[in-house]
Amino acid sequence: MGKDSGKPYLKLRSINGQALAHAQLGQLEKAHALWRDVQSALENESLPVPIHEGRELFLAQNQKAAASY
């Protein structure tokens, strides 16, 4: 997946999936580094979304990925 796919939710899903795979392989340092990337991307992607126009929904949809970290 390209870095600038224009679909932030896909980027979050992709990074979270990679983190889960590394965790299952016992590569916890790599998994935690990727989960930090998920958290950072989630914070960055949510900022442009207006509070009353979907930010809560965006954050709720991606809460599971951030909670893994």
N, C-alpha and C. Protein backbone atom coordinates (compact mmCIF):
# COMPACT_ATOMS: atom_id res chain seq x y z
N MET A 1 0.85 -1.18 0.00
CA MET A 1 0.00 0.00 0.00
C MET A 1 0.89 1.23 0.00
N GLY A 2 0.56 2.20 -0.85
CA GLY A 2 1.34 3.43 -0.92
C GLY A 2 1.16 4.27 0.32
N LYS A 3 2.17 5.02 0.67
CA LYS A 3 2.11 5.85 1.87
C LYS A 3 1.03 6.91 1.77
N ASP A 4 0.76 7.40 0.58
CA ASP A 4 -0.22 8.46 0.40
C ASP A 4 -1.45 7.93 -0.35
N SER A 5 -2.07 6.92 0.20
CA SER A 5 -3.21 6.31 -0.48
C SER A 5 -4.45 7.18 -0.44
N GLY A 6 -4.47 8.19 0.44
CA GLY A 6 -5.64 9.04 0.54
C GLY A 6 -6.73 8.45 1.41
N LYS A 7 -6.50 7.29 1.97
CA LYS A 7 -7.48 6.62 2.81
C LYS A 7 -6.81 6.29 4.15
N PRO A 8 -6.88 7.23 5.10
CA PRO A 8 -6.17 7.03 6.36
C PRO A 8 -6.59 5.79 7.13
N TYR A 9 -7.87 5.40 7.01
CA TYR A 9 -8.30 4.22 7.75
C TYR A 9 -7.61 2.96 7.24
N LEU A 10 -7.26 2.94 5.95
CA LEU A 10 -6.54 1.79 5.41
C LEU A 10 -5.12 1.74 5.96
N LYS A 11 -4.51 2.90 6.08
CA LYS A 11 -3.16 2.96 6.64
C LYS A 11 -3.17 2.45 8.08
N LEU A 12 -4.15 2.89 8.86
CA LEU A 12 -4.25 2.45 10.25
C LEU A 12 -4.47 0.94 10.33
N ARG A 13 -5.35 0.42 9.51
CA ARG A 13 -5.61 -1.03 9.50
C ARG A 13 -4.36 -1.80 9.11
N SER A 14 -3.66 -1.30 8.12
CA SER A 14 -2.46 -1.98 7.64
C SER A 14 -1.38 -2.04 8.71
N ILE A 15 -1.11 -0.90 9.32
CA ILE A 15 -0.07 -0.85 10.36
C ILE A 15 -0.47 -1.71 11.56
N ASN A 16 -1.76 -1.63 11.94
CA ASN A 16 -2.21 -2.43 13.07
C ASN A 16 -2.09 -3.93 12.76
N GLY A 17 -2.43 -4.32 11.55
CA GLY A 17 -2.29 -5.72 11.16
C GLY A 17 -0.85 -6.19 11.22
N GLN A 18 0.06 -5.34 10.79
CA GLN A 18 1.49 -5.68 10.87
C GLN A 18 1.91 -5.83 12.32
N ALA A 19 1.44 -4.93 13.17
CA ALA A 19 1.79 -4.98 14.59
C ALA A 19 1.27 -6.28 15.22
N LEU A 20 0.03 -6.65 14.91
CA LEU A 20 -0.53 -7.88 15.44
C LEU A 20 0.27 -9.11 14.99
N ALA A 21 0.69 -9.10 13.73
CA ALA A 21 1.48 -10.21 13.21
C ALA A 21 2.82 -10.32 13.95
N HIS A 22 3.47 -9.19 14.15
CA HIS A 22 4.75 -9.21 14.88
C HIS A 22 4.55 -9.67 16.32
N ALA A 23 3.46 -9.25 16.95
CA ALA A 23 3.18 -9.67 18.32
C ALA A 23 2.97 -11.18 18.39
N GLN A 24 2.25 -11.73 17.42
CA GLN A 24 2.01 -13.17 17.41
C GLN A 24 3.29 -13.96 17.16
N LEU A 25 4.23 -13.34 16.48
CA LEU A 25 5.52 -13.99 16.25
C LEU A 25 6.49 -13.80 17.41
N GLY A 26 6.04 -13.07 18.43
CA GLY A 26 6.89 -12.83 19.60
C GLY A 26 7.85 -11.67 19.43
N GLN A 27 7.67 -10.91 18.37
CA GLN A 27 8.53 -9.75 18.09
C GLN A 27 7.88 -8.51 18.70
N LEU A 28 7.91 -8.46 20.03
CA LEU A 28 7.14 -7.44 20.75
C LEU A 28 7.68 -6.03 20.57
N GLU A 29 9.00 -5.89 20.47
CA GLU A 29 9.54 -4.54 20.27
C GLU A 29 9.06 -3.95 18.95
N LYS A 30 9.09 -4.75 17.89
CA LYS A 30 8.62 -4.28 16.59
C LYS A 30 7.12 -4.00 16.64
N ALA A 31 6.37 -4.87 17.32
CA ALA A 31 4.92 -4.69 17.44
C ALA A 31 4.60 -3.37 18.15
N HIS A 32 5.29 -3.11 19.25
CA HIS A 32 5.03 -1.87 19.99
C HIS A 32 5.43 -0.64 19.19
N ALA A 33 6.49 -0.75 18.43
CA ALA A 33 6.90 0.38 17.58
C ALA A 33 5.81 0.67 16.54
N LEU A 34 5.24 -0.38 15.97
CA LEU A 34 4.17 -0.19 14.99
C LEU A 34 2.91 0.34 15.65
N TRP A 35 2.60 -0.11 16.86
CA TRP A 35 1.43 0.42 17.57
C TRP A 35 1.62 1.89 17.92
N ARG A 36 2.85 2.30 18.19
CA ARG A 36 3.12 3.73 18.39
C ARG A 36 2.81 4.49 17.10
N ASP A 37 3.18 3.90 15.97
CA ASP A 37 2.87 4.51 14.68
C ASP A 37 1.36 4.62 14.46
N VAL A 38 0.62 3.59 14.87
CA VAL A 38 -0.84 3.61 14.76
C VAL A 38 -1.39 4.76 15.60
N GLN A 39 -0.93 4.86 16.83
CA GLN A 39 -1.41 5.91 17.73
C GLN A 39 -1.11 7.29 17.15
N SER A 40 0.10 7.46 16.64
CA SER A 40 0.50 8.74 16.05
C SER A 40 -0.34 9.07 14.82
N ALA A 41 -0.52 8.08 13.95
CA ALA A 41 -1.31 8.30 12.74
C ALA A 41 -2.76 8.61 13.09
N LEU A 42 -3.28 7.92 14.08
CA LEU A 42 -4.66 8.16 14.51
C LEU A 42 -4.82 9.58 15.02
N GLU A 43 -3.88 10.04 15.82
CA GLU A 43 -3.94 11.41 16.32
C GLU A 43 -3.84 12.42 15.18
N ASN A 44 -2.92 12.19 14.26
CA ASN A 44 -2.73 13.12 13.14
C ASN A 44 -3.92 13.14 12.19
N GLU A 45 -4.50 11.99 11.92
CA GLU A 45 -5.60 11.91 10.97
C GLU A 45 -6.90 12.45 11.56
N SER A 46 -7.03 12.41 12.89
CA SER A 46 -8.27 12.87 13.50
C SER A 46 -8.33 14.39 13.64
N LEU A 47 -7.20 15.05 13.63
CA LEU A 47 -7.19 16.50 13.83
C LEU A 47 -7.97 17.29 12.78
N PRO A 48 -7.87 16.96 11.50
CA PRO A 48 -8.62 17.73 10.51
C PRO A 48 -10.14 17.47 10.52
N VAL A 49 -10.56 16.41 11.20
CA VAL A 49 -11.99 16.09 11.22
C VAL A 49 -12.67 16.99 12.26
N PRO A 50 -13.65 17.79 11.85
CA PRO A 50 -14.34 18.66 12.80
C PRO A 50 -14.97 17.86 13.94
N ILE A 51 -14.92 18.40 15.14
CA ILE A 51 -15.41 17.69 16.33
C ILE A 51 -16.86 17.25 16.16
N HIS A 52 -17.70 18.11 15.65
CA HIS A 52 -19.12 17.78 15.55
C HIS A 52 -19.49 17.14 14.21
N GLU A 53 -18.50 16.82 13.41
CA GLU A 53 -18.80 16.27 12.09
C GLU A 53 -18.07 14.97 11.82
N GLY A 54 -17.91 14.16 12.86
CA GLY A 54 -17.37 12.84 12.61
C GLY A 54 -16.10 12.47 13.34
N ARG A 55 -15.50 13.38 14.10
CA ARG A 55 -14.25 13.02 14.78
C ARG A 55 -14.49 11.89 15.77
N GLU A 56 -15.59 11.98 16.54
CA GLU A 56 -15.87 10.92 17.51
C GLU A 56 -16.05 9.58 16.82
N LEU A 57 -16.74 9.57 15.69
CA LEU A 57 -16.94 8.33 14.94
C LEU A 57 -15.60 7.81 14.42
N PHE A 58 -14.78 8.71 13.87
CA PHE A 58 -13.46 8.30 13.37
C PHE A 58 -12.64 7.67 14.48
N LEU A 59 -12.61 8.31 15.64
CA LEU A 59 -11.83 7.78 16.76
C LEU A 59 -12.41 6.46 17.26
N ALA A 60 -13.73 6.38 17.35
CA ALA A 60 -14.37 5.15 17.81
C ALA A 60 -14.08 3.98 16.88
N GLN A 61 -14.09 4.23 15.59
CA GLN A 61 -13.83 3.17 14.61
C GLN A 61 -12.40 2.66 14.70
N ASN A 62 -11.49 3.49 15.17
CA ASN A 62 -10.09 3.10 15.22
C ASN A 62 -9.60 2.86 16.65
N GLN A 63 -10.51 2.83 17.60
CA GLN A 63 -10.15 2.65 18.99
C GLN A 63 -9.46 1.30 19.23
N LYS A 64 -9.94 0.26 18.58
CA LYS A 64 -9.38 -1.07 18.79
C LYS A 64 -7.90 -1.11 18.41
N ALA A 65 -7.55 -0.47 17.31
CA ALA A 65 -6.16 -0.44 16.88
C ALA A 65 -5.29 0.28 17.90
N ALA A 66 -5.78 1.40 18.41
CA ALA A 66 -5.01 2.16 19.38
C ALA A 66 -4.96 1.43 20.73
N ALA A 67 -6.01 0.71 21.06
CA ALA A 67 -6.06 0.01 22.34
C ALA A 67 -5.06 -1.13 22.38
N SER A 68 -4.68 -1.68 21.25
CA SER A 68 -3.71 -2.77 21.22
C SER A 68 -2.37 -2.34 21.78
N TYR A 69 -2.06 -1.07 21.59
CA TYR A 69 -0.79 -0.53 22.07
C TYR A 69 -0.88 -0.28 23.54
